[in-house]
């Protein structure tokens, strides 16, 4: 699993998603409740950026139709979305936030 530095921990504001792109994959990185999560940035229902939505209680809400996704699992908790979005492993090394979007062989 290849981890890539996406930003400094200090660059992440609490409950404010940050959009990054890793190997052509759009990712929303979110710091909430003292943890950092990485989730695919594209809503599984409407193909829009999740990083433009709001974060509350470890959920990110799609700004277009209001579907919410669990930052830990990617599973939707409200309609109209019914399919989960991928989540990615995160490591914190010092002040660096690292994310992996590659699968283990």
N, C-alpha and C. Protein backbone atom coordinates (compact mmCIF):
# COMPACT_ATOMS: atom_id res chain seq x y z
N UNK A 1 0.85 -1.17 0.00
CA UNK A 1 0.00 0.00 0.00
C UNK A 1 0.90 1.23 0.00
N UNK A 2 0.74 2.08 -0.99
CA UNK A 2 1.57 3.27 -1.11
C UNK A 2 0.85 4.49 -0.54
N UNK A 3 1.44 5.04 0.51
CA UNK A 3 0.88 6.25 1.10
C UNK A 3 1.55 7.48 0.50
N UNK A 4 0.74 8.52 0.25
CA UNK A 4 1.22 9.76 -0.34
C UNK A 4 0.82 10.92 0.57
N UNK A 5 1.76 11.85 0.78
CA UNK A 5 1.45 13.03 1.59
C UNK A 5 0.45 13.90 0.84
N UNK A 6 -0.64 14.27 1.52
CA UNK A 6 -1.65 15.11 0.88
C UNK A 6 -1.67 16.53 1.42
N UNK A 7 -1.23 16.71 2.68
CA UNK A 7 -1.20 18.04 3.27
C UNK A 7 -0.59 17.94 4.66
N UNK A 8 -0.40 19.09 5.27
CA UNK A 8 0.01 19.14 6.68
C UNK A 8 -1.25 19.04 7.54
N UNK A 9 -1.15 18.40 8.68
CA UNK A 9 -2.29 18.28 9.59
C UNK A 9 -2.86 19.66 9.93
N UNK A 10 -1.98 20.63 10.10
CA UNK A 10 -2.41 21.99 10.44
C UNK A 10 -3.21 22.68 9.34
N UNK A 11 -3.16 22.14 8.12
CA UNK A 11 -3.93 22.71 7.01
C UNK A 11 -5.40 22.30 7.04
N UNK A 12 -5.71 21.27 7.82
CA UNK A 12 -7.08 20.77 7.87
C UNK A 12 -7.86 21.46 8.99
N UNK A 13 -8.88 22.20 8.61
CA UNK A 13 -9.76 22.82 9.60
C UNK A 13 -10.81 21.79 10.02
N UNK A 14 -11.14 21.79 11.28
CA UNK A 14 -12.14 20.85 11.81
C UNK A 14 -13.44 20.96 11.03
N UNK A 15 -13.95 19.80 10.59
CA UNK A 15 -15.23 19.68 9.87
C UNK A 15 -15.28 20.45 8.55
N UNK A 16 -14.13 20.69 7.95
CA UNK A 16 -14.06 21.36 6.66
C UNK A 16 -13.30 20.48 5.67
N UNK A 17 -14.01 19.86 4.74
CA UNK A 17 -13.36 18.96 3.79
C UNK A 17 -12.33 19.67 2.91
N UNK A 18 -11.27 18.95 2.60
CA UNK A 18 -10.23 19.46 1.68
C UNK A 18 -10.14 18.48 0.52
N UNK A 19 -10.32 18.97 -0.69
CA UNK A 19 -10.26 18.12 -1.88
C UNK A 19 -8.82 18.03 -2.38
N UNK A 20 -8.39 16.79 -2.64
CA UNK A 20 -7.07 16.54 -3.22
C UNK A 20 -7.27 15.50 -4.33
N UNK A 21 -6.27 15.34 -5.17
CA UNK A 21 -6.32 14.31 -6.20
C UNK A 21 -5.07 13.44 -6.07
N UNK A 22 -5.28 12.12 -6.00
CA UNK A 22 -4.18 11.18 -5.87
C UNK A 22 -4.27 10.15 -7.00
N UNK A 23 -3.25 10.09 -7.82
CA UNK A 23 -3.24 9.14 -8.93
C UNK A 23 -4.52 9.20 -9.75
N UNK A 24 -5.04 10.41 -9.97
CA UNK A 24 -6.25 10.58 -10.76
C UNK A 24 -7.54 10.34 -9.99
N UNK A 25 -7.43 10.06 -8.69
CA UNK A 25 -8.60 9.80 -7.86
C UNK A 25 -8.92 11.02 -7.01
N UNK A 26 -10.13 11.60 -7.14
CA UNK A 26 -10.51 12.72 -6.29
C UNK A 26 -10.84 12.23 -4.88
N UNK A 27 -10.24 12.87 -3.89
CA UNK A 27 -10.38 12.45 -2.50
C UNK A 27 -10.74 13.66 -1.64
N UNK A 28 -11.65 13.44 -0.72
CA UNK A 28 -11.99 14.46 0.27
C UNK A 28 -11.35 14.04 1.59
N UNK A 29 -10.49 14.89 2.14
CA UNK A 29 -9.81 14.63 3.40
C UNK A 29 -10.48 15.48 4.47
N UNK A 30 -10.88 14.84 5.56
CA UNK A 30 -11.67 15.54 6.58
C UNK A 30 -11.10 15.27 7.97
N UNK A 31 -10.93 16.35 8.72
CA UNK A 31 -10.54 16.24 10.13
C UNK A 31 -11.79 16.52 10.97
N UNK A 32 -12.17 15.53 11.76
CA UNK A 32 -13.36 15.69 12.60
C UNK A 32 -13.23 14.83 13.84
N UNK A 33 -13.64 15.35 14.97
CA UNK A 33 -13.60 14.59 16.22
C UNK A 33 -12.22 14.08 16.59
N UNK A 34 -11.18 14.81 16.21
CA UNK A 34 -9.82 14.41 16.54
C UNK A 34 -9.24 13.34 15.62
N UNK A 35 -9.96 12.95 14.58
CA UNK A 35 -9.46 11.96 13.62
C UNK A 35 -9.45 12.57 12.22
N UNK A 36 -8.70 11.90 11.34
CA UNK A 36 -8.65 12.33 9.94
C UNK A 36 -9.13 11.17 9.08
N UNK A 37 -10.00 11.48 8.13
CA UNK A 37 -10.58 10.49 7.24
C UNK A 37 -10.35 10.89 5.80
N UNK A 38 -10.33 9.90 4.92
CA UNK A 38 -10.23 10.15 3.48
C UNK A 38 -11.31 9.32 2.79
N UNK A 39 -12.11 9.99 1.98
CA UNK A 39 -13.24 9.35 1.30
C UNK A 39 -13.24 9.82 -0.14
N UNK A 40 -13.69 8.96 -1.05
CA UNK A 40 -13.77 9.38 -2.44
C UNK A 40 -14.63 10.63 -2.52
N UNK A 41 -14.20 11.59 -3.30
CA UNK A 41 -14.86 12.89 -3.33
C UNK A 41 -16.10 12.94 -4.22
N UNK A 42 -16.45 11.86 -4.88
CA UNK A 42 -17.58 11.90 -5.80
C UNK A 42 -18.79 11.15 -5.21
N UNK A 43 -19.91 11.85 -5.10
CA UNK A 43 -21.15 11.26 -4.59
C UNK A 43 -21.57 10.12 -5.51
N UNK A 44 -21.95 9.00 -4.92
CA UNK A 44 -22.35 7.83 -5.71
C UNK A 44 -23.72 8.00 -6.36
N UNK A 45 -24.45 9.01 -5.97
CA UNK A 45 -25.77 9.25 -6.55
C UNK A 45 -25.74 10.27 -7.67
N UNK A 46 -25.05 11.38 -7.45
CA UNK A 46 -25.18 12.49 -8.39
C UNK A 46 -23.89 12.91 -9.08
N UNK A 47 -22.77 12.21 -8.81
CA UNK A 47 -21.51 12.52 -9.48
C UNK A 47 -21.06 13.97 -9.27
N UNK A 48 -21.21 14.46 -8.03
CA UNK A 48 -20.74 15.80 -7.67
C UNK A 48 -19.76 15.69 -6.51
N UNK A 49 -19.02 16.75 -6.26
CA UNK A 49 -17.98 16.77 -5.24
C UNK A 49 -18.56 16.79 -3.82
N UNK A 50 -18.18 15.79 -3.03
CA UNK A 50 -18.61 15.75 -1.63
C UNK A 50 -17.89 16.80 -0.79
N UNK A 51 -16.69 17.21 -1.21
CA UNK A 51 -15.93 18.17 -0.41
C UNK A 51 -16.60 19.55 -0.36
N UNK A 52 -17.62 19.75 -1.17
CA UNK A 52 -18.36 21.01 -1.12
C UNK A 52 -19.52 20.94 -0.12
N UNK A 53 -19.70 19.76 0.49
CA UNK A 53 -20.78 19.58 1.46
C UNK A 53 -20.34 19.86 2.88
N UNK A 54 -21.26 19.63 3.80
CA UNK A 54 -21.00 19.88 5.21
C UNK A 54 -20.68 18.59 5.95
N UNK A 55 -19.91 18.72 7.04
CA UNK A 55 -19.52 17.58 7.86
C UNK A 55 -20.11 17.77 9.26
N UNK A 56 -20.72 16.67 9.75
CA UNK A 56 -21.26 16.68 11.12
C UNK A 56 -21.36 15.24 11.60
N UNK A 57 -20.93 14.99 12.83
CA UNK A 57 -21.04 13.66 13.47
C UNK A 57 -20.45 12.56 12.58
N UNK A 58 -19.26 12.78 12.06
CA UNK A 58 -18.54 11.79 11.25
C UNK A 58 -19.27 11.43 9.95
N UNK A 59 -20.11 12.36 9.48
CA UNK A 59 -20.83 12.19 8.22
C UNK A 59 -20.52 13.38 7.32
N UNK A 60 -20.45 13.11 6.00
CA UNK A 60 -20.31 14.18 5.03
C UNK A 60 -21.55 14.18 4.17
N UNK A 61 -22.13 15.36 3.99
CA UNK A 61 -23.38 15.49 3.26
C UNK A 61 -23.14 16.04 1.86
N UNK A 62 -23.75 15.39 0.88
CA UNK A 62 -23.69 15.89 -0.49
C UNK A 62 -24.54 17.16 -0.58
N UNK A 63 -23.96 18.21 -1.11
CA UNK A 63 -24.64 19.50 -1.17
C UNK A 63 -25.80 19.51 -2.16
N UNK A 64 -25.81 18.59 -3.13
CA UNK A 64 -26.82 18.67 -4.18
C UNK A 64 -28.17 18.09 -3.75
N UNK A 65 -28.20 16.86 -3.26
CA UNK A 65 -29.47 16.23 -2.90
C UNK A 65 -29.57 15.83 -1.44
N UNK A 66 -28.51 16.08 -0.65
CA UNK A 66 -28.59 15.85 0.79
C UNK A 66 -28.25 14.46 1.29
N UNK A 67 -27.77 13.57 0.41
CA UNK A 67 -27.34 12.27 0.90
C UNK A 67 -26.13 12.44 1.82
N UNK A 68 -26.10 11.66 2.89
CA UNK A 68 -24.96 11.70 3.82
C UNK A 68 -24.22 10.38 3.77
N UNK A 69 -22.88 10.45 3.90
CA UNK A 69 -22.03 9.28 3.86
C UNK A 69 -21.18 9.23 5.13
N UNK A 70 -21.05 8.03 5.70
CA UNK A 70 -20.24 7.83 6.88
C UNK A 70 -18.76 7.92 6.47
N UNK A 71 -18.01 8.79 7.11
CA UNK A 71 -16.59 8.97 6.78
C UNK A 71 -15.76 7.74 7.10
N UNK A 72 -16.23 6.89 8.01
CA UNK A 72 -15.49 5.69 8.40
C UNK A 72 -15.70 4.53 7.43
N UNK A 73 -16.90 4.44 6.86
CA UNK A 73 -17.24 3.27 6.03
C UNK A 73 -17.60 3.62 4.59
N UNK A 74 -17.98 4.85 4.33
CA UNK A 74 -18.43 5.26 3.01
C UNK A 74 -19.88 4.94 2.74
N UNK A 75 -20.56 4.29 3.69
CA UNK A 75 -21.95 3.90 3.48
C UNK A 75 -22.89 5.10 3.58
N UNK A 76 -23.87 5.15 2.68
CA UNK A 76 -24.85 6.25 2.76
C UNK A 76 -25.81 6.01 3.92
N UNK A 77 -26.22 7.09 4.56
CA UNK A 77 -27.18 6.96 5.66
C UNK A 77 -28.51 7.62 5.33
N UNK A 78 -28.58 8.23 4.15
CA UNK A 78 -29.84 8.87 3.75
C UNK A 78 -29.96 8.83 2.23
N UNK A 79 -31.19 8.80 1.79
CA UNK A 79 -31.48 8.80 0.36
C UNK A 79 -31.26 10.20 -0.20
N UNK A 80 -31.04 10.33 -1.50
CA UNK A 80 -31.31 9.33 -2.53
C UNK A 80 -30.15 8.36 -2.78
N UNK A 81 -28.97 8.57 -2.21
CA UNK A 81 -27.85 7.65 -2.46
C UNK A 81 -28.13 6.30 -1.82
N UNK A 82 -27.79 5.23 -2.53
CA UNK A 82 -27.95 3.88 -2.00
C UNK A 82 -26.65 3.09 -2.08
N UNK A 83 -25.66 3.59 -2.83
CA UNK A 83 -24.38 2.90 -2.97
C UNK A 83 -23.31 3.63 -2.16
N UNK A 84 -22.43 2.88 -1.49
CA UNK A 84 -21.34 3.52 -0.73
C UNK A 84 -20.29 4.12 -1.66
N UNK A 85 -19.47 4.97 -1.10
CA UNK A 85 -18.30 5.50 -1.82
C UNK A 85 -17.06 4.94 -1.12
N UNK A 86 -15.98 4.76 -1.87
CA UNK A 86 -14.77 4.20 -1.26
C UNK A 86 -14.18 5.11 -0.18
N UNK A 87 -13.62 4.49 0.85
CA UNK A 87 -12.84 5.19 1.86
C UNK A 87 -11.41 4.69 1.76
N UNK A 88 -10.46 5.50 2.20
CA UNK A 88 -9.05 5.19 2.03
C UNK A 88 -8.32 5.28 3.35
N UNK A 89 -7.28 4.45 3.53
CA UNK A 89 -6.50 4.50 4.76
C UNK A 89 -5.73 5.81 4.90
N UNK A 90 -5.65 6.28 6.14
CA UNK A 90 -4.94 7.52 6.46
C UNK A 90 -3.89 7.23 7.52
N UNK A 91 -2.72 7.83 7.37
CA UNK A 91 -1.68 7.77 8.41
C UNK A 91 -1.25 9.20 8.70
N UNK A 92 -0.93 9.45 9.96
CA UNK A 92 -0.38 10.74 10.37
C UNK A 92 1.07 10.47 10.78
N UNK A 93 1.99 11.14 10.13
CA UNK A 93 3.41 11.03 10.48
C UNK A 93 3.91 12.43 10.79
N UNK A 94 4.13 12.69 12.08
CA UNK A 94 4.49 14.05 12.49
C UNK A 94 3.33 14.97 12.20
N UNK A 95 3.57 15.97 11.33
CA UNK A 95 2.51 16.90 10.94
C UNK A 95 1.99 16.59 9.53
N UNK A 96 2.41 15.46 8.96
CA UNK A 96 2.01 15.11 7.60
C UNK A 96 0.82 14.16 7.61
N UNK A 97 -0.14 14.44 6.72
CA UNK A 97 -1.28 13.55 6.50
C UNK A 97 -0.99 12.76 5.23
N UNK A 98 -1.00 11.43 5.36
CA UNK A 98 -0.74 10.56 4.23
C UNK A 98 -1.97 9.70 3.95
N UNK A 99 -2.27 9.50 2.66
CA UNK A 99 -3.42 8.72 2.23
C UNK A 99 -2.97 7.72 1.18
N UNK A 100 -3.59 6.56 1.18
CA UNK A 100 -3.31 5.56 0.15
C UNK A 100 -4.60 5.27 -0.61
N UNK A 101 -4.53 5.38 -1.94
CA UNK A 101 -5.68 5.03 -2.78
C UNK A 101 -5.40 3.75 -3.56
N UNK A 102 -4.25 3.12 -3.31
CA UNK A 102 -3.90 1.88 -4.01
C UNK A 102 -4.33 0.67 -3.20
N UNK A 103 -4.67 -0.39 -3.91
CA UNK A 103 -5.05 -1.65 -3.27
C UNK A 103 -3.82 -2.53 -3.10
N UNK A 104 -3.82 -3.32 -2.04
CA UNK A 104 -2.73 -4.27 -1.85
C UNK A 104 -2.86 -5.38 -2.88
N UNK A 105 -1.73 -5.89 -3.35
CA UNK A 105 -1.76 -6.97 -4.33
C UNK A 105 -1.95 -8.31 -3.65
